[in-house]
N, C-alpha and C. Protein backbone atom coordinates (compact mmCIF):
# COMPACT_ATOMS: atom_id res chain seq x y z
N UNK A 1 0.55 -1.19 -0.14
CA UNK A 1 -0.02 -0.27 -0.05
C UNK A 1 1.44 1.29 0.39
N UNK A 2 0.80 2.29 -0.92
CA UNK A 2 1.43 3.54 -0.85
C UNK A 2 1.36 4.80 -0.23
N UNK A 3 2.33 4.99 0.72
CA UNK A 3 1.77 6.22 1.63
C UNK A 3 0.87 6.89 2.24
N UNK A 4 0.12 7.44 0.68
CA UNK A 4 -1.02 7.52 0.74
C UNK A 4 -1.71 7.24 -0.30
N UNK A 5 -3.11 7.88 -0.77
CA UNK A 5 -3.86 6.40 -1.72
C UNK A 5 -5.04 7.93 -1.25
N UNK A 6 -6.32 7.87 -2.37
CA UNK A 6 -7.32 8.50 -2.80
C UNK A 6 -8.71 7.43 -2.13
N UNK A 7 -9.50 7.66 -1.76
CA UNK A 7 -10.90 6.87 -0.65
C UNK A 7 -11.77 7.79 -1.11
N UNK A 8 -12.67 7.53 -1.71
CA UNK A 8 -13.58 8.69 -2.18
C UNK A 8 -13.69 10.39 -1.94
N UNK A 9 -12.60 10.14 -3.15
CA UNK A 9 -12.05 11.32 -3.59
C UNK A 9 -10.98 12.33 -2.31
N UNK A 10 -10.28 11.79 -1.49
CA UNK A 10 -10.31 11.93 -0.25
C UNK A 10 -8.67 11.76 -0.05
N UNK A 11 -8.06 11.84 0.09
CA UNK A 11 -6.88 11.60 0.20
C UNK A 11 -6.40 11.26 1.91
N UNK A 12 -6.31 10.16 1.59
CA UNK A 12 -6.11 9.17 2.80
C UNK A 12 -4.22 8.85 3.12
N UNK A 13 -4.14 9.42 4.32
CA UNK A 13 -2.02 9.67 4.98
C UNK A 13 -2.44 9.63 6.14
N UNK A 14 -1.28 9.21 7.05
CA UNK A 14 -1.05 8.86 8.15
C UNK A 14 0.25 10.52 8.18
N UNK A 15 0.39 11.23 9.77
CA UNK A 15 1.23 12.43 9.89
C UNK A 15 1.17 11.72 11.27
N UNK A 16 2.66 12.18 11.23
CA UNK A 16 3.05 12.20 12.84
C UNK A 16 2.46 12.78 13.84
N UNK A 17 2.50 12.22 15.04
CA UNK A 17 1.16 13.49 16.23
C UNK A 17 2.05 14.45 16.86
N UNK A 18 0.91 15.44 16.56
CA UNK A 18 2.02 17.09 17.71
C UNK A 18 1.19 16.74 18.79
N UNK A 19 1.48 18.31 19.55
CA UNK A 19 1.33 18.42 20.36
C UNK A 19 -0.08 19.07 20.59
N UNK A 20 -0.49 19.37 19.61
CA UNK A 20 -2.52 19.54 19.16
C UNK A 20 -3.03 18.24 19.15
N UNK A 21 -2.36 17.50 19.58
CA UNK A 21 -3.06 16.05 19.51
C UNK A 21 -3.66 15.34 20.62
N UNK A 22 -3.50 16.12 21.72
CA UNK A 22 -3.89 15.65 22.89
C UNK A 22 -5.58 15.89 23.49
N UNK A 23 -6.11 16.10 23.59
CA UNK A 23 -7.21 16.33 23.20
C UNK A 23 -7.45 15.60 22.87
N UNK A 24 -7.12 15.22 21.85
CA UNK A 24 -8.06 14.35 20.39
C UNK A 24 -8.07 12.78 20.53
N UNK A 25 -6.34 12.78 20.87
CA UNK A 25 -6.09 11.13 21.75
C UNK A 25 -7.15 10.30 22.91
N UNK A 26 -7.05 12.02 23.66
CA UNK A 26 -8.06 12.09 25.00
C UNK A 26 -9.23 11.08 24.92
N UNK A 27 -10.07 11.88 24.17
CA UNK A 27 -10.99 11.59 23.62
C UNK A 27 -11.00 9.68 22.68
N UNK A 28 -10.12 9.51 22.33
CA UNK A 28 -10.47 8.88 21.65
C UNK A 28 -10.18 7.54 22.92
N UNK A 29 -9.05 8.00 23.34
CA UNK A 29 -8.84 6.80 24.28
C UNK A 29 -9.98 6.47 25.78
N UNK A 30 -10.51 7.78 25.63
CA UNK A 30 -11.89 7.32 26.19
C UNK A 30 -13.35 6.65 25.86
N UNK A 31 -13.17 6.88 24.53
CA UNK A 31 -13.97 6.68 23.73
C UNK A 31 -14.59 4.92 24.09
N UNK A 32 -16.05 5.21 24.76
CA UNK A 32 -16.65 4.07 25.61
C UNK A 32 -15.88 2.04 25.04
N UNK A 33 -15.82 1.99 23.09
CA UNK A 33 -16.04 1.06 22.58
C UNK A 33 -14.79 0.52 22.77
N UNK A 34 -13.97 2.09 22.75
CA UNK A 34 -12.45 1.89 22.90
C UNK A 34 -11.96 1.58 23.97
N UNK A 35 -12.12 2.05 25.52
CA UNK A 35 -12.11 0.10 26.57
C UNK A 35 -12.60 -0.30 26.48
N UNK A 36 -13.93 -0.16 26.67
CA UNK A 36 -14.51 -1.88 26.17
C UNK A 36 -13.23 -2.31 25.53
N UNK A 37 -12.44 -2.54 24.43
CA UNK A 37 -11.99 -3.28 23.86
C UNK A 37 -10.70 -3.15 24.14
N UNK A 38 -10.21 -2.18 25.46
CA UNK A 38 -8.69 -2.62 25.75
C UNK A 38 -8.76 -3.76 26.93
N UNK A 39 -7.37 -4.05 27.26
CA UNK A 39 -6.98 -4.84 28.32
C UNK A 39 -6.89 -3.99 29.71
N UNK A 40 -6.78 -2.39 29.84
CA UNK A 40 -7.24 -2.23 31.23
C UNK A 40 -9.02 -0.62 31.18
N UNK A 41 -9.59 -1.49 30.83
CA UNK A 41 -11.48 -1.18 30.69
C UNK A 41 -11.44 0.17 31.66
N UNK A 42 -11.22 0.77 32.28
CA UNK A 42 -10.92 2.32 33.48
C UNK A 42 -10.78 3.38 32.60
N UNK A 43 -11.71 3.51 32.74
CA UNK A 43 -11.88 5.93 32.37
C UNK A 43 -9.58 5.99 32.59
N UNK A 44 -9.35 6.57 31.22
CA UNK A 44 -8.55 7.29 31.90
C UNK A 44 -8.42 8.84 32.33
N UNK A 45 -7.54 8.77 33.26
CA UNK A 45 -8.06 10.57 33.46
C UNK A 45 -7.45 11.60 33.24
N UNK A 46 -7.75 12.78 33.16
CA UNK A 46 -7.11 13.41 32.47
C UNK A 46 -5.30 13.88 32.57
N UNK A 47 -5.32 13.66 33.48
CA UNK A 47 -3.91 14.01 34.64
C UNK A 47 -2.64 13.00 34.03
N UNK A 48 -3.66 11.69 33.47
CA UNK A 48 -2.87 10.78 33.93
C UNK A 48 -2.06 10.36 32.34
N UNK A 49 -3.56 11.26 31.32
CA UNK A 49 -3.01 11.25 29.59
C UNK A 49 -2.16 12.27 29.53
N UNK A 50 -1.70 13.77 30.32
CA UNK A 50 -0.84 14.24 30.27
C UNK A 50 0.31 13.71 30.54
N UNK A 51 0.38 13.39 31.44
CA UNK A 51 1.96 12.47 31.50
C UNK A 51 2.63 11.25 30.50
N UNK A 52 1.34 10.54 30.18
CA UNK A 52 0.85 9.27 29.12
C UNK A 52 2.14 10.75 27.59
N UNK A 53 0.88 11.51 27.67
CA UNK A 53 1.09 12.19 26.44
C UNK A 53 2.34 13.13 26.40
N UNK A 54 2.99 13.29 27.39
CA UNK A 54 4.12 13.79 27.21
C UNK A 54 5.39 12.54 27.00
N UNK A 55 5.24 11.59 28.05
CA UNK A 55 6.37 10.79 27.57
C UNK A 55 6.08 10.13 26.43
N UNK A 56 5.37 9.86 25.63
CA UNK A 56 4.56 9.27 24.33
C UNK A 56 5.97 10.37 23.37
N UNK A 57 6.23 11.63 23.50
CA UNK A 57 6.68 12.37 22.84
C UNK A 57 7.98 12.70 22.62
N UNK A 58 8.32 12.20 23.93
CA UNK A 58 9.77 12.43 24.23
C UNK A 58 10.96 11.00 23.93
N UNK A 59 9.96 9.82 23.73
CA UNK A 59 10.14 8.70 24.12
C UNK A 59 10.10 8.40 22.00
N UNK A 60 12.04 8.19 21.60
CA UNK A 60 12.45 7.43 20.20
C UNK A 60 12.02 6.51 20.30
N UNK A 61 11.67 5.41 21.41
CA UNK A 61 10.99 4.27 20.93
C UNK A 61 9.28 4.11 20.88
N UNK A 62 9.02 5.04 20.68
CA UNK A 62 7.68 5.31 20.22
C UNK A 62 7.04 5.97 19.23
N UNK A 63 6.50 5.92 18.71
CA UNK A 63 5.76 6.20 16.55
C UNK A 63 4.68 6.32 17.35
N UNK A 64 3.51 7.29 16.79
CA UNK A 64 2.49 7.39 17.37
C UNK A 64 1.83 8.45 15.61
N UNK A 65 1.11 8.10 14.87
CA UNK A 65 0.90 8.27 14.16
C UNK A 65 -0.81 8.98 14.22
N UNK A 66 -1.28 9.53 12.81
CA UNK A 66 -2.63 9.76 13.33
C UNK A 66 -2.92 9.84 11.41
N UNK A 67 -4.32 8.57 12.01
CA UNK A 67 -4.82 8.85 10.22
C UNK A 67 -5.95 9.86 10.21
N UNK A 68 -5.27 9.91 8.52
CA UNK A 68 -5.92 11.81 7.81
C UNK A 68 -6.51 11.74 6.82
N UNK A 69 -8.09 11.74 6.80
CA UNK A 69 -8.91 11.85 5.69
C UNK A 69 -9.10 13.64 4.84
N UNK A 70 -8.17 13.79 4.03
CA UNK A 70 -8.15 14.83 3.83
C UNK A 70 -8.13 15.72 4.65
N UNK A 71 -8.81 16.86 5.37
CA UNK A 71 -7.87 17.80 7.37
C UNK A 71 -8.90 16.50 8.02
N UNK A 72 -9.48 16.20 7.88
CA UNK A 72 -10.24 15.02 9.05
C UNK A 72 -8.88 14.36 9.94
N UNK A 73 -9.04 13.76 11.20
CA UNK A 73 -8.82 12.77 11.96
C UNK A 73 -9.38 11.31 12.07
N UNK A 74 -9.02 10.33 11.57
CA UNK A 74 -9.94 9.48 10.89
C UNK A 74 -9.58 8.53 12.10
N UNK A 75 -7.99 7.99 12.40
CA UNK A 75 -7.70 7.37 14.09
C UNK A 75 -6.69 7.34 13.96
N UNK A 76 -5.55 6.90 14.80
CA UNK A 76 -4.48 6.79 15.48
C UNK A 76 -4.14 5.18 15.62
N UNK A 77 -2.08 5.24 15.37
CA UNK A 77 -1.72 4.07 15.22
C UNK A 77 -0.21 4.31 16.47
N UNK A 78 0.05 3.83 17.41
CA UNK A 78 0.85 3.47 18.60
C UNK A 78 2.35 2.44 18.04
N UNK A 79 3.02 2.46 17.87
CA UNK A 79 3.98 1.38 18.07
C UNK A 79 4.90 1.95 18.99
N UNK A 80 4.78 0.49 19.84
CA UNK A 80 5.62 0.95 21.55
C UNK A 80 7.05 -0.17 20.59
N UNK A 81 8.30 0.81 20.36
CA UNK A 81 8.95 -0.66 20.07
C UNK A 81 10.02 -1.11 21.19
N UNK A 82 11.10 -1.73 21.12
CA UNK A 82 12.18 -2.72 21.57
C UNK A 82 12.45 -3.75 20.47
N UNK A 83 13.76 -3.26 20.42
CA UNK A 83 14.89 -3.30 19.79
C UNK A 83 13.42 -4.13 18.05
N UNK A 84 13.76 -5.54 17.49
CA UNK A 84 13.93 -5.80 16.48
C UNK A 84 12.30 -5.16 16.46
N UNK A 85 11.39 -4.99 17.28
CA UNK A 85 9.60 -5.37 17.83
C UNK A 85 8.99 -4.48 17.82
N UNK A 86 8.64 -4.06 17.25
CA UNK A 86 7.53 -3.22 17.98
C UNK A 86 6.28 -3.61 17.63
N UNK A 87 5.30 -3.03 19.01
CA UNK A 87 3.76 -3.98 19.48
C UNK A 87 2.98 -2.61 19.01
N UNK A 88 1.88 -3.35 18.23
CA UNK A 88 1.14 -2.38 18.07
C UNK A 88 -0.47 -1.19 18.89
N UNK A 89 -0.82 -0.72 18.50
CA UNK A 89 -2.09 0.12 19.49
C UNK A 89 -2.53 0.64 18.90
N UNK A 90 -3.34 0.66 18.16
CA UNK A 90 -4.36 1.33 17.03
C UNK A 90 -5.46 1.51 17.07
N UNK A 91 -6.93 2.72 16.59
CA UNK A 91 -8.18 3.35 17.03
C UNK A 91 -8.96 4.15 16.01
N UNK A 92 -10.15 3.33 15.40
CA UNK A 92 -10.82 3.85 14.88
C UNK A 92 -11.33 5.64 14.91
N UNK A 93 -11.85 6.86 15.25
CA UNK A 93 -12.53 7.70 15.22
C UNK A 93 -13.63 6.65 15.06
N UNK A 94 -15.06 7.10 16.01
CA UNK A 94 -16.32 6.90 16.34
C UNK A 94 -17.05 7.15 14.65
N UNK A 95 -16.72 8.36 14.46
CA UNK A 95 -17.24 8.12 12.99
C UNK A 95 -16.80 7.64 11.80
N UNK A 96 -15.79 7.07 11.62
CA UNK A 96 -15.17 6.38 10.78
C UNK A 96 -15.37 4.37 10.82
N UNK A 97 -15.63 3.74 12.46
CA UNK A 97 -15.91 2.48 12.33
C UNK A 97 -16.65 1.82 11.35
N UNK A 98 -15.80 0.97 11.47
CA UNK A 98 -17.01 -0.03 9.90
C UNK A 98 -16.81 0.37 8.76
N UNK A 99 -15.41 0.90 8.12
CA UNK A 99 -16.41 1.72 7.13
C UNK A 99 -14.06 1.07 6.54
N UNK A 100 -13.51 0.40 6.87
CA UNK A 100 -12.19 -0.26 6.57
C UNK A 100 -11.03 0.77 6.89
N UNK A 101 -11.02 1.50 8.03
CA UNK A 101 -9.90 2.11 8.80
C UNK A 101 -9.36 1.67 9.28
N UNK A 102 -9.82 0.23 10.30
CA UNK A 102 -8.78 0.03 10.65
C UNK A 102 -7.55 -0.35 9.96
N UNK A 103 -7.80 -1.46 8.93
CA UNK A 103 -7.55 -2.33 8.08
C UNK A 103 -6.45 -1.35 7.19
N UNK A 104 -6.58 0.21 6.70
CA UNK A 104 -5.85 1.48 5.91
C UNK A 104 -4.55 1.60 7.25
N UNK A 105 -5.62 1.83 8.67
CA UNK A 105 -4.54 2.19 9.43
C UNK A 105 -3.41 1.44 9.71
N UNK A 106 -3.34 -0.19 9.88
CA UNK A 106 -2.74 -1.21 9.50
C UNK A 106 -1.30 -1.06 8.21
N UNK A 107 -2.06 -1.44 7.07
CA UNK A 107 -1.47 -1.20 6.50
C UNK A 107 -0.76 0.25 5.77
N UNK A 108 -1.22 1.01 6.66
CA UNK A 108 -0.26 2.05 6.22
C UNK A 108 0.82 2.48 7.01
N UNK A 109 0.22 2.16 8.92
CA UNK A 109 1.22 2.37 9.98
C UNK A 109 2.75 1.18 9.38
N UNK A 110 2.19 0.29 8.72
CA UNK A 110 3.53 -1.04 8.39
C UNK A 110 3.90 0.19 7.61
N UNK A 111 3.61 0.22 6.51
CA UNK A 111 4.71 0.89 5.57
C UNK A 111 5.29 2.07 5.95
N UNK A 112 4.56 2.86 7.09
CA UNK A 112 5.65 4.29 7.47
C UNK A 112 6.34 3.96 8.37
N UNK A 113 5.90 2.95 9.61
CA UNK A 113 6.79 2.37 10.45
C UNK A 113 8.30 1.81 9.82
N UNK A 114 8.00 1.43 9.03
CA UNK A 114 9.43 0.52 8.42
C UNK A 114 10.19 1.78 7.43
N UNK A 115 9.62 3.09 7.27
CA UNK A 115 10.59 4.01 6.94
C UNK A 115 10.99 4.94 7.90
N UNK A 116 10.19 4.68 9.16
CA UNK A 116 10.79 5.46 9.98
C UNK A 116 11.85 4.70 10.76
N UNK A 117 12.05 3.55 11.11
CA UNK A 117 12.21 2.30 11.63
C UNK A 117 12.21 1.06 11.50
N UNK A 118 14.09 1.38 10.26
CA UNK A 118 13.64 -0.02 9.09
C UNK A 118 14.58 -1.13 9.54
N UNK A 119 15.50 -1.46 11.53
CA UNK A 119 15.58 -2.05 11.60
C UNK A 119 14.43 -2.88 12.85
N UNK A 120 12.99 -2.64 12.71
CA UNK A 120 12.01 -3.44 13.13
C UNK A 120 11.57 -4.10 12.25
N UNK A 121 11.66 -5.26 12.66
CA UNK A 121 12.27 -7.10 11.82
C UNK A 121 10.35 -7.40 11.65
N UNK A 122 9.68 -6.86 12.84
CA UNK A 122 8.18 -8.44 13.87
C UNK A 122 7.94 -6.72 14.30
N UNK A 123 5.95 -7.50 13.85
CA UNK A 123 4.97 -5.70 14.07
C UNK A 123 3.85 -7.92 14.96
N UNK A 124 3.49 -7.00 16.48
CA UNK A 124 3.12 -7.46 17.37
C UNK A 124 1.50 -6.82 17.81
N UNK A 125 0.60 -7.47 17.60
CA UNK A 125 -0.89 -6.76 17.91
C UNK A 125 -1.72 -7.72 19.00
N UNK A 126 -1.78 -7.42 19.97
CA UNK A 126 -2.75 -8.22 20.74
C UNK A 126 -3.51 -7.34 20.93
N UNK A 127 -4.70 -8.79 20.80
CA UNK A 127 -5.84 -8.00 20.56
C UNK A 127 -6.90 -9.34 21.99
N UNK A 128 -7.59 -7.69 22.42
CA UNK A 128 -8.21 -8.39 23.47
C UNK A 128 -9.69 -9.89 23.24
N UNK A 129 -9.74 -10.58 23.20
CA UNK A 129 -10.87 -12.00 23.71
C UNK A 129 -11.58 -11.29 22.84
N UNK A 130 -12.88 -11.71 22.08
CA UNK A 130 -14.29 -11.59 21.80
C UNK A 130 -13.64 -9.77 21.33
N UNK A 131 -12.61 -9.41 20.32
CA UNK A 131 -12.36 -8.27 20.14
C UNK A 131 -12.39 -8.59 18.06
N UNK A 132 -13.32 -9.05 17.47
CA UNK A 132 -13.43 -9.65 16.39
C UNK A 132 -13.38 -8.67 14.79
N UNK A 133 -13.68 -7.96 14.27
CA UNK A 133 -13.12 -6.50 14.12
C UNK A 133 -11.88 -6.24 14.08
N UNK A 134 -10.99 -6.04 15.26
CA UNK A 134 -9.63 -6.00 15.35
C UNK A 134 -8.95 -6.74 15.08
N UNK A 135 -9.93 -8.51 15.54
CA UNK A 135 -8.79 -9.57 14.75
C UNK A 135 -8.80 -9.86 13.64
N UNK A 136 -9.99 -9.46 12.85
CA UNK A 136 -9.86 -9.47 11.61
C UNK A 136 -9.51 -8.25 10.68
N UNK A 137 -9.20 -7.18 11.06
CA UNK A 137 -8.35 -6.27 10.56
C UNK A 137 -6.71 -7.33 10.62
N UNK A 138 -6.28 -7.44 11.69
CA UNK A 138 -5.09 -8.28 11.47
C UNK A 138 -4.80 -9.32 10.49
N UNK A 139 -5.44 -10.16 10.50
CA UNK A 139 -5.66 -11.32 9.68
C UNK A 139 -5.88 -10.78 7.85
N UNK A 140 -6.65 -9.19 7.99
CA UNK A 140 -6.05 -8.95 6.35
C UNK A 140 -5.04 -8.24 6.16
N UNK A 141 -4.48 -7.98 7.06
CA UNK A 141 -3.70 -6.81 6.67
C UNK A 141 -1.75 -8.00 6.83
N UNK A 142 -2.69 -9.11 6.49
CA UNK A 142 -1.22 -10.37 6.38
C UNK A 142 -0.84 -11.11 7.63
N UNK A 143 -1.52 -10.09 8.73
CA UNK A 143 -0.57 -10.92 10.18
C UNK A 143 -0.84 -12.52 10.67
N UNK A 144 -0.24 -13.05 11.28
CA UNK A 144 -0.55 -14.64 11.45
C UNK A 144 -1.26 -14.31 13.02
N UNK A 145 -1.97 -15.53 13.36
CA UNK A 145 -2.23 -15.03 14.76
C UNK A 145 -1.10 -16.49 15.24
N UNK A 146 -0.16 -15.71 16.60
CA UNK A 146 0.68 -16.92 16.99
C UNK A 146 0.80 -17.05 18.52
N UNK A 147 0.21 -17.71 19.12
CA UNK A 147 0.69 -17.94 20.48
C UNK A 147 -0.51 -16.68 21.47
N UNK A 148 -1.61 -16.30 20.73
CA UNK A 148 -2.54 -16.14 20.71
C UNK A 148 -2.81 -14.49 20.22
N UNK A 149 -1.08 -13.79 20.45
CA UNK A 149 -1.53 -12.64 19.48
C UNK A 149 -0.99 -12.24 17.75
N UNK A 150 -0.97 -11.33 17.44
CA UNK A 150 -0.89 -11.54 16.01
C UNK A 150 0.17 -10.96 15.68
N UNK A 151 1.32 -11.25 14.53
CA UNK A 151 2.46 -11.19 14.36
C UNK A 151 2.17 -10.81 12.45
N UNK A 152 3.64 -9.76 12.38
CA UNK A 152 3.59 -9.85 10.82
C UNK A 152 4.92 -9.34 11.45
N UNK A 153 6.18 -10.41 9.83
CA UNK A 153 7.46 -9.80 9.87
C UNK A 153 7.32 -9.46 8.42
N UNK A 154 8.07 -8.09 8.12
CA UNK A 154 9.30 -7.88 7.30
C UNK A 154 9.97 -8.51 6.35
C-alpha cells in the first residue's frame, strides 16, 4: 500500500502526532468502545493522559501517527518499539468505524514504521478476546495468529 492514496475522492495518509493532538487522543482513548476493547477498561484520568502524552512525545522508541482523510482525523496508530519488535495499538474514530479504516491504519502503519525505523522486523498486535473486528483487521493485513497474538514479519 502506498504512503497515501485516495478513497471517495479524499486523500488518506498518516501524519506524525503533534502536541496539538493531546485532547483528540484523550477523547478517543476514553471512547466507550475503545475502553471496552482495551485490556484496561477503566476510564483514563486527564492528568494521567497528560503524563502519558508527554512521555510519548519524548520517547524515541514510540511512534504515534494520526490517520488523516483530507483534513479530518480518522484514527490513530502507535508503535512501542523494543529492539527489532514493535507492539501496535490503534483505534478508529467513532465516525469512521465499520468502513475499513482499521485495515487502512494497519497497512499504512506497517509501511510508515518500516521507513522510520527500518531495524524493526516484527510487528505484534495483541487483541482482547472477543474483539472480532480487530482480529479481522490483523488477519486481512497479513498478520499470523501466534500464541494468542498477531505477528507480522517484514
